[in-house]
Amino acid sequence: MDFKEKHPGKLFVFSGPSGAGKGTICKKLLEENEELALSVSMTTRAPREGEVEGVSYYFTDKETFKERIEAGELLEHAEVYGNYYGTPKGPVIEKLEKGEDVEVVILGDSLSCGSSTSGQAYDDLYNDKGGQNINTLNYAPFTPSWPV
């Protein structure tokens, strides 16, 4: 039995609404854990200043994105304000098979919206791995209502 069979990577899925702080949590975890890798999402929106292809996002057009959906190449996807966002399956699976732990940051509803491939890939991955290596955190910011 080789190392990756004995020690497969773990998948950590962080989901919550836009602006909830998922990215902040993941950034802190990445700073403190060199072994942890962040998945790079794909989007159809235009790059913003300072964003780097393959680091910030994989930037693509809507036609190509829809082709990736139909081919089952995304773990999840969602349409937000007219643009598509999703997690490419290949790089995540590749890292997990190498024994790397991977963080995936997604919108809270992207596992249940879009076509039937949304979330199905996570279910398939979960079942393939025996459900032992996928951890999810559904995050909603808490604002105390205590008087200040």
N, C-alpha and C. Protein backbone atom coordinates (compact mmCIF):
# COMPACT_ATOMS: atom_id res chain seq x y z
N MET A 1 0.85 -1.18 0.00
CA MET A 1 0.00 0.00 0.00
C MET A 1 0.89 1.24 0.00
N ASP A 2 0.66 2.15 -0.94
CA ASP A 2 1.50 3.34 -1.00
C ASP A 2 0.99 4.42 -0.04
N PHE A 3 1.78 5.49 0.09
CA PHE A 3 1.49 6.54 1.06
C PHE A 3 0.12 7.17 0.85
N LYS A 4 -0.22 7.48 -0.42
CA LYS A 4 -1.49 8.18 -0.66
C LYS A 4 -2.69 7.31 -0.32
N GLU A 5 -2.56 5.99 -0.43
CA GLU A 5 -3.66 5.11 -0.04
C GLU A 5 -3.81 5.09 1.48
N LYS A 6 -2.70 5.20 2.18
CA LYS A 6 -2.74 5.21 3.63
C LYS A 6 -3.13 6.58 4.18
N HIS A 7 -2.77 7.63 3.46
CA HIS A 7 -2.98 9.00 3.94
C HIS A 7 -3.55 9.88 2.84
N PRO A 8 -4.79 9.61 2.40
CA PRO A 8 -5.37 10.47 1.36
C PRO A 8 -5.59 11.88 1.89
N GLY A 9 -5.59 12.84 0.99
CA GLY A 9 -5.85 14.22 1.40
C GLY A 9 -7.27 14.40 1.87
N LYS A 10 -7.46 15.45 2.63
CA LYS A 10 -8.80 15.79 3.12
C LYS A 10 -9.30 17.02 2.40
N LEU A 11 -10.59 17.04 2.14
CA LEU A 11 -11.23 18.15 1.47
C LEU A 11 -12.03 18.94 2.49
N PHE A 12 -11.74 20.23 2.58
CA PHE A 12 -12.45 21.12 3.49
C PHE A 12 -13.28 22.09 2.65
N VAL A 13 -14.59 22.02 2.77
CA VAL A 13 -15.49 22.85 1.98
C VAL A 13 -16.06 23.94 2.88
N PHE A 14 -15.80 25.19 2.53
CA PHE A 14 -16.30 26.34 3.28
C PHE A 14 -17.39 26.98 2.45
N SER A 15 -18.60 27.00 2.97
CA SER A 15 -19.69 27.61 2.22
C SER A 15 -20.44 28.61 3.09
N GLY A 16 -20.94 29.63 2.46
CA GLY A 16 -21.70 30.66 3.15
C GLY A 16 -22.03 31.75 2.16
N PRO A 17 -22.84 32.71 2.55
CA PRO A 17 -23.22 33.77 1.63
C PRO A 17 -22.04 34.69 1.31
N SER A 18 -22.16 35.39 0.22
CA SER A 18 -21.14 36.34 -0.19
C SER A 18 -20.90 37.35 0.95
N GLY A 19 -19.63 37.59 1.26
CA GLY A 19 -19.29 38.56 2.30
C GLY A 19 -19.31 38.01 3.70
N ALA A 20 -19.52 36.70 3.86
CA ALA A 20 -19.62 36.11 5.20
C ALA A 20 -18.27 35.94 5.89
N GLY A 21 -17.18 35.99 5.13
CA GLY A 21 -15.87 35.84 5.74
C GLY A 21 -15.19 34.52 5.45
N LYS A 22 -15.71 33.76 4.50
CA LYS A 22 -15.12 32.46 4.15
C LYS A 22 -13.66 32.64 3.71
N GLY A 23 -13.44 33.62 2.83
CA GLY A 23 -12.09 33.86 2.32
C GLY A 23 -11.13 34.27 3.41
N THR A 24 -11.60 35.05 4.36
CA THR A 24 -10.74 35.49 5.48
C THR A 24 -10.32 34.29 6.32
N ILE A 25 -11.26 33.41 6.62
CA ILE A 25 -10.95 32.21 7.40
C ILE A 25 -9.93 31.34 6.65
N CYS A 26 -10.19 31.13 5.37
CA CYS A 26 -9.30 30.29 4.58
C CYS A 26 -7.90 30.88 4.46
N LYS A 27 -7.83 32.18 4.28
CA LYS A 27 -6.52 32.85 4.20
C LYS A 27 -5.73 32.63 5.47
N LYS A 28 -6.38 32.77 6.62
CA LYS A 28 -5.70 32.56 7.90
C LYS A 28 -5.23 31.11 8.04
N LEU A 29 -6.08 30.17 7.65
CA LEU A 29 -5.70 28.76 7.72
C LEU A 29 -4.50 28.46 6.82
N LEU A 30 -4.49 29.06 5.62
CA LEU A 30 -3.38 28.86 4.71
C LEU A 30 -2.08 29.43 5.26
N GLU A 31 -2.17 30.59 5.94
CA GLU A 31 -0.98 31.21 6.53
C GLU A 31 -0.38 30.33 7.62
N GLU A 32 -1.24 29.60 8.33
CA GLU A 32 -0.80 28.81 9.48
C GLU A 32 -0.54 27.34 9.15
N ASN A 33 -0.87 26.90 7.94
CA ASN A 33 -0.72 25.49 7.57
C ASN A 33 -0.12 25.37 6.18
N GLU A 34 1.19 25.15 6.12
CA GLU A 34 1.87 25.05 4.83
C GLU A 34 1.39 23.87 4.00
N GLU A 35 0.89 22.83 4.64
CA GLU A 35 0.46 21.63 3.93
C GLU A 35 -0.90 21.81 3.25
N LEU A 36 -1.61 22.85 3.59
CA LEU A 36 -2.96 23.08 3.08
C LEU A 36 -2.91 23.82 1.74
N ALA A 37 -3.71 23.36 0.78
CA ALA A 37 -3.77 24.00 -0.54
C ALA A 37 -5.17 24.57 -0.75
N LEU A 38 -5.26 25.68 -1.44
CA LEU A 38 -6.54 26.30 -1.76
C LEU A 38 -6.89 25.97 -3.20
N SER A 39 -8.10 25.51 -3.43
CA SER A 39 -8.52 25.27 -4.81
C SER A 39 -8.72 26.63 -5.49
N VAL A 40 -8.49 26.67 -6.77
CA VAL A 40 -8.68 27.89 -7.54
C VAL A 40 -9.99 27.75 -8.31
N SER A 41 -10.89 28.70 -8.11
CA SER A 41 -12.19 28.67 -8.76
C SER A 41 -12.09 29.19 -10.19
N MET A 42 -13.10 28.84 -10.98
CA MET A 42 -13.22 29.33 -12.35
C MET A 42 -14.35 30.35 -12.38
N THR A 43 -14.21 31.38 -13.20
CA THR A 43 -15.27 32.39 -13.32
C THR A 43 -15.33 32.94 -14.74
N THR A 44 -16.51 33.46 -15.06
CA THR A 44 -16.69 34.11 -16.36
C THR A 44 -16.59 35.63 -16.24
N ARG A 45 -16.41 36.14 -15.03
CA ARG A 45 -16.29 37.60 -14.90
C ARG A 45 -14.90 38.04 -15.33
N ALA A 46 -14.80 39.31 -15.64
CA ALA A 46 -13.51 39.88 -16.06
C ALA A 46 -12.56 39.95 -14.87
N PRO A 47 -11.27 39.77 -15.12
CA PRO A 47 -10.28 39.91 -14.04
C PRO A 47 -10.28 41.32 -13.47
N ARG A 48 -10.10 41.41 -12.17
CA ARG A 48 -9.94 42.71 -11.51
C ARG A 48 -8.45 43.03 -11.42
N GLU A 49 -8.17 44.28 -11.16
CA GLU A 49 -6.78 44.72 -11.04
C GLU A 49 -6.04 43.87 -9.99
N GLY A 50 -4.90 43.35 -10.37
CA GLY A 50 -4.07 42.57 -9.47
C GLY A 50 -4.36 41.08 -9.46
N GLU A 51 -5.48 40.65 -10.06
CA GLU A 51 -5.79 39.22 -10.09
C GLU A 51 -4.94 38.53 -11.16
N VAL A 52 -4.52 37.31 -10.84
CA VAL A 52 -3.63 36.56 -11.71
C VAL A 52 -4.32 35.27 -12.16
N GLU A 53 -4.30 35.01 -13.45
CA GLU A 53 -4.86 33.80 -14.03
C GLU A 53 -4.23 32.56 -13.39
N GLY A 54 -5.06 31.64 -12.92
CA GLY A 54 -4.57 30.40 -12.32
C GLY A 54 -4.19 30.53 -10.87
N VAL A 55 -4.16 31.75 -10.36
CA VAL A 55 -3.86 31.98 -8.94
C VAL A 55 -5.09 32.53 -8.25
N SER A 56 -5.62 33.63 -8.79
CA SER A 56 -6.84 34.22 -8.23
C SER A 56 -8.06 33.43 -8.68
N TYR A 57 -8.14 33.18 -9.96
CA TYR A 57 -9.21 32.44 -10.62
C TYR A 57 -8.67 31.87 -11.91
N TYR A 58 -9.43 30.94 -12.49
CA TYR A 58 -9.26 30.58 -13.89
C TYR A 58 -10.35 31.38 -14.60
N PHE A 59 -9.95 32.30 -15.47
CA PHE A 59 -10.90 33.15 -16.17
C PHE A 59 -11.26 32.52 -17.51
N THR A 60 -12.55 32.49 -17.82
CA THR A 60 -13.02 31.89 -19.06
C THR A 60 -14.28 32.59 -19.53
N ASP A 61 -14.75 32.21 -20.72
CA ASP A 61 -15.99 32.78 -21.23
C ASP A 61 -17.16 31.87 -20.86
N LYS A 62 -18.39 32.39 -21.04
CA LYS A 62 -19.59 31.64 -20.63
C LYS A 62 -19.76 30.35 -21.43
N GLU A 63 -19.45 30.38 -22.71
CA GLU A 63 -19.60 29.18 -23.53
C GLU A 63 -18.71 28.05 -23.01
N THR A 64 -17.45 28.36 -22.75
CA THR A 64 -16.51 27.36 -22.24
C THR A 64 -16.95 26.87 -20.86
N PHE A 65 -17.41 27.78 -20.03
CA PHE A 65 -17.87 27.40 -18.69
C PHE A 65 -19.03 26.41 -18.79
N LYS A 66 -20.00 26.72 -19.65
CA LYS A 66 -21.15 25.84 -19.81
C LYS A 66 -20.73 24.47 -20.35
N GLU A 67 -19.73 24.45 -21.22
CA GLU A 67 -19.20 23.18 -21.72
C GLU A 67 -18.59 22.36 -20.58
N ARG A 68 -17.90 23.03 -19.68
CA ARG A 68 -17.29 22.35 -18.51
C ARG A 68 -18.38 21.77 -17.61
N ILE A 69 -19.50 22.51 -17.46
CA ILE A 69 -20.63 22.01 -16.67
C ILE A 69 -21.16 20.73 -17.31
N GLU A 70 -21.43 20.80 -18.61
CA GLU A 70 -22.00 19.65 -19.33
C GLU A 70 -21.08 18.44 -19.30
N ALA A 71 -19.78 18.67 -19.32
CA ALA A 71 -18.81 17.58 -19.29
C ALA A 71 -18.59 17.02 -17.89
N GLY A 72 -19.24 17.62 -16.89
CA GLY A 72 -19.08 17.14 -15.51
C GLY A 72 -17.71 17.45 -14.92
N GLU A 73 -17.08 18.52 -15.38
CA GLU A 73 -15.74 18.88 -14.96
C GLU A 73 -15.70 19.84 -13.77
N LEU A 74 -16.87 20.16 -13.20
CA LEU A 74 -16.91 21.06 -12.05
C LEU A 74 -17.50 20.34 -10.85
N LEU A 75 -16.92 20.58 -9.68
CA LEU A 75 -17.47 20.00 -8.45
C LEU A 75 -18.76 20.69 -8.07
N GLU A 76 -18.86 21.97 -8.35
CA GLU A 76 -20.05 22.77 -8.07
C GLU A 76 -19.98 24.01 -8.92
N HIS A 77 -21.13 24.68 -9.09
CA HIS A 77 -21.13 25.93 -9.83
C HIS A 77 -22.37 26.72 -9.48
N ALA A 78 -22.29 28.01 -9.74
CA ALA A 78 -23.42 28.90 -9.47
C ALA A 78 -23.33 30.08 -10.42
N GLU A 79 -24.47 30.69 -10.69
CA GLU A 79 -24.51 31.93 -11.45
C GLU A 79 -24.80 33.05 -10.46
N VAL A 80 -23.95 34.05 -10.45
CA VAL A 80 -24.08 35.17 -9.52
C VAL A 80 -23.96 36.47 -10.31
N TYR A 81 -25.01 37.28 -10.28
CA TYR A 81 -25.03 38.57 -10.98
C TYR A 81 -24.62 38.44 -12.45
N GLY A 82 -25.09 37.39 -13.10
CA GLY A 82 -24.84 37.21 -14.52
C GLY A 82 -23.52 36.56 -14.87
N ASN A 83 -22.70 36.24 -13.88
CA ASN A 83 -21.44 35.54 -14.12
C ASN A 83 -21.48 34.18 -13.46
N TYR A 84 -20.71 33.24 -14.03
CA TYR A 84 -20.62 31.90 -13.47
C TYR A 84 -19.36 31.76 -12.62
N TYR A 85 -19.49 30.99 -11.55
CA TYR A 85 -18.37 30.64 -10.68
C TYR A 85 -18.45 29.15 -10.42
N GLY A 86 -17.32 28.48 -10.32
CA GLY A 86 -17.34 27.06 -10.02
C GLY A 86 -15.97 26.54 -9.66
N THR A 87 -15.94 25.29 -9.18
CA THR A 87 -14.70 24.65 -8.76
C THR A 87 -14.34 23.55 -9.74
N PRO A 88 -13.24 23.71 -10.49
CA PRO A 88 -12.80 22.64 -11.39
C PRO A 88 -12.45 21.37 -10.60
N LYS A 89 -12.97 20.25 -11.06
CA LYS A 89 -12.81 18.98 -10.37
C LYS A 89 -11.37 18.44 -10.45
N GLY A 90 -10.76 18.50 -11.63
CA GLY A 90 -9.46 17.88 -11.86
C GLY A 90 -8.38 18.28 -10.87
N PRO A 91 -8.11 19.58 -10.72
CA PRO A 91 -7.03 19.98 -9.80
C PRO A 91 -7.28 19.56 -8.35
N VAL A 92 -8.54 19.58 -7.92
CA VAL A 92 -8.87 19.18 -6.54
C VAL A 92 -8.59 17.70 -6.35
N ILE A 93 -9.07 16.87 -7.25
CA ILE A 93 -8.86 15.43 -7.14
C ILE A 93 -7.38 15.09 -7.21
N GLU A 94 -6.66 15.77 -8.10
CA GLU A 94 -5.22 15.54 -8.24
C GLU A 94 -4.50 15.80 -6.91
N LYS A 95 -4.83 16.91 -6.26
CA LYS A 95 -4.19 17.24 -4.97
C LYS A 95 -4.57 16.23 -3.90
N LEU A 96 -5.83 15.85 -3.84
CA LEU A 96 -6.27 14.87 -2.84
C LEU A 96 -5.56 13.54 -3.03
N GLU A 97 -5.40 13.11 -4.27
CA GLU A 97 -4.73 11.84 -4.54
C GLU A 97 -3.26 11.88 -4.19
N LYS A 98 -2.66 13.08 -4.18
CA LYS A 98 -1.26 13.23 -3.76
C LYS A 98 -1.13 13.27 -2.24
N GLY A 99 -2.28 13.27 -1.55
CA GLY A 99 -2.25 13.33 -0.09
C GLY A 99 -2.32 14.74 0.45
N GLU A 100 -2.56 15.72 -0.41
CA GLU A 100 -2.66 17.11 0.03
C GLU A 100 -4.06 17.40 0.56
N ASP A 101 -4.14 18.23 1.58
CA ASP A 101 -5.41 18.71 2.09
C ASP A 101 -5.79 19.94 1.28
N VAL A 102 -7.07 20.06 0.92
CA VAL A 102 -7.51 21.11 0.02
C VAL A 102 -8.70 21.86 0.61
N GLU A 103 -8.64 23.19 0.56
CA GLU A 103 -9.76 24.05 0.94
C GLU A 103 -10.51 24.44 -0.33
N VAL A 104 -11.83 24.34 -0.29
CA VAL A 104 -12.68 24.80 -1.38
C VAL A 104 -13.63 25.83 -0.78
N VAL A 105 -13.67 27.03 -1.36
CA VAL A 105 -14.54 28.10 -0.89
C VAL A 105 -15.65 28.28 -1.91
N ILE A 106 -16.92 28.15 -1.45
CA ILE A 106 -18.05 28.26 -2.37
C ILE A 106 -19.15 29.11 -1.76
N LEU A 107 -20.01 29.63 -2.62
CA LEU A 107 -21.20 30.33 -2.14
C LEU A 107 -22.10 29.32 -1.45
N GLY A 108 -22.82 29.77 -0.47
CA GLY A 108 -23.63 28.88 0.34
C GLY A 108 -24.66 28.07 -0.41
N ASP A 109 -25.18 28.60 -1.52
CA ASP A 109 -26.23 27.86 -2.21
C ASP A 109 -25.76 27.17 -3.48
N SER A 110 -24.47 27.19 -3.78
CA SER A 110 -24.03 26.65 -5.06
C SER A 110 -24.09 25.14 -5.13
N LEU A 111 -24.18 24.47 -3.99
CA LEU A 111 -24.30 23.02 -4.03
C LEU A 111 -25.72 22.59 -4.38
N SER A 112 -26.66 23.51 -4.32
CA SER A 112 -28.03 23.12 -4.59
C SER A 112 -28.64 23.87 -5.77
N CYS A 113 -27.87 24.70 -6.45
CA CYS A 113 -28.43 25.44 -7.58
C CYS A 113 -27.77 25.00 -8.87
N GLY A 114 -28.28 25.49 -9.97
CA GLY A 114 -27.71 25.14 -11.26
C GLY A 114 -28.17 23.77 -11.71
N SER A 115 -27.38 23.14 -12.56
CA SER A 115 -27.77 21.84 -13.11
C SER A 115 -27.52 20.73 -12.11
N SER A 116 -27.87 19.52 -12.51
CA SER A 116 -27.74 18.37 -11.62
C SER A 116 -26.29 18.06 -11.28
N THR A 117 -25.33 18.65 -12.01
CA THR A 117 -23.93 18.40 -11.68
C THR A 117 -23.50 19.18 -10.44
N SER A 118 -24.25 20.21 -10.06
CA SER A 118 -23.91 20.96 -8.86
C SER A 118 -24.09 20.07 -7.65
N GLY A 119 -23.03 19.89 -6.92
CA GLY A 119 -23.11 19.09 -5.70
C GLY A 119 -23.02 17.60 -5.96
N GLN A 120 -23.44 17.12 -7.13
CA GLN A 120 -23.37 15.69 -7.41
C GLN A 120 -21.92 15.22 -7.38
N ALA A 121 -21.02 16.05 -7.90
CA ALA A 121 -19.61 15.67 -7.91
C ALA A 121 -19.07 15.54 -6.50
N TYR A 122 -19.51 16.42 -5.57
CA TYR A 122 -19.10 16.28 -4.18
C TYR A 122 -19.66 14.99 -3.60
N ASP A 123 -20.92 14.69 -3.91
CA ASP A 123 -21.52 13.45 -3.43
C ASP A 123 -20.73 12.25 -3.94
N ASP A 124 -20.39 12.26 -5.23
CA ASP A 124 -19.62 11.17 -5.82
C ASP A 124 -18.25 11.04 -5.15
N LEU A 125 -17.59 12.18 -4.96
CA LEU A 125 -16.28 12.18 -4.32
C LEU A 125 -16.39 11.67 -2.89
N TYR A 126 -17.41 12.12 -2.18
CA TYR A 126 -17.66 11.68 -0.81
C TYR A 126 -17.84 10.17 -0.76
N ASN A 127 -18.64 9.64 -1.65
CA ASN A 127 -18.89 8.20 -1.67
C ASN A 127 -17.66 7.42 -2.07
N ASP A 128 -16.88 7.94 -3.05
CA ASP A 128 -15.66 7.27 -3.48
C ASP A 128 -14.64 7.18 -2.36
N LYS A 129 -14.60 8.20 -1.51
CA LYS A 129 -13.62 8.24 -0.42
C LYS A 129 -14.19 7.66 0.88
N GLY A 130 -15.36 7.08 0.83
CA GLY A 130 -15.95 6.50 2.03
C GLY A 130 -16.44 7.54 3.01
N GLY A 131 -16.55 8.79 2.58
CA GLY A 131 -17.06 9.85 3.45
C GLY A 131 -16.12 10.25 4.56
N GLN A 132 -14.91 9.73 4.55
CA GLN A 132 -14.00 9.98 5.66
C GLN A 132 -13.12 11.21 5.50
N ASN A 133 -13.01 11.73 4.29
CA ASN A 133 -12.02 12.77 4.06
C ASN A 133 -12.60 14.09 3.58
N ILE A 134 -13.91 14.27 3.74
CA ILE A 134 -14.53 15.52 3.35
C ILE A 134 -15.12 16.18 4.59
N ASN A 135 -14.71 17.40 4.84
CA ASN A 135 -15.19 18.17 5.97
C ASN A 135 -15.84 19.43 5.45
N THR A 136 -17.03 19.73 5.92
CA THR A 136 -17.71 20.93 5.45
C THR A 136 -17.94 21.89 6.60
N LEU A 137 -17.87 23.17 6.29
CA LEU A 137 -18.19 24.22 7.24
C LEU A 137 -19.15 25.16 6.56
N ASN A 138 -20.39 25.17 7.00
CA ASN A 138 -21.36 26.13 6.51
C ASN A 138 -21.29 27.32 7.44
N TYR A 139 -20.82 28.43 6.93
CA TYR A 139 -20.48 29.57 7.75
C TYR A 139 -21.47 30.70 7.55
N ALA A 140 -22.00 31.19 8.63
CA ALA A 140 -22.82 32.39 8.60
C ALA A 140 -22.29 33.32 9.69
N PRO A 141 -22.03 34.57 9.35
CA PRO A 141 -21.47 35.48 10.36
C PRO A 141 -22.45 35.69 11.51
N PHE A 142 -21.91 35.77 12.70
CA PHE A 142 -22.73 35.99 13.89
C PHE A 142 -22.49 37.40 14.39
N THR A 143 -23.53 38.15 14.51
CA THR A 143 -23.43 39.50 15.04
C THR A 143 -24.19 39.55 16.35
N PRO A 144 -23.48 39.70 17.47
CA PRO A 144 -24.17 39.73 18.75
C PRO A 144 -25.14 40.91 18.84
N SER A 145 -26.25 40.70 19.49
CA SER A 145 -27.24 41.77 19.65
C SER A 145 -27.13 42.40 21.03
N TRP A 146 -25.99 42.18 21.68
CA TRP A 146 -25.80 42.74 23.00
C TRP A 146 -25.61 44.26 22.91
N PRO A 147 -26.12 45.00 23.89
CA PRO A 147 -25.89 46.46 23.88
C PRO A 147 -24.42 46.78 24.08
N VAL A 148 -23.96 47.80 23.45
CA VAL A 148 -22.55 48.18 23.56
C VAL A 148 -22.40 49.36 24.46
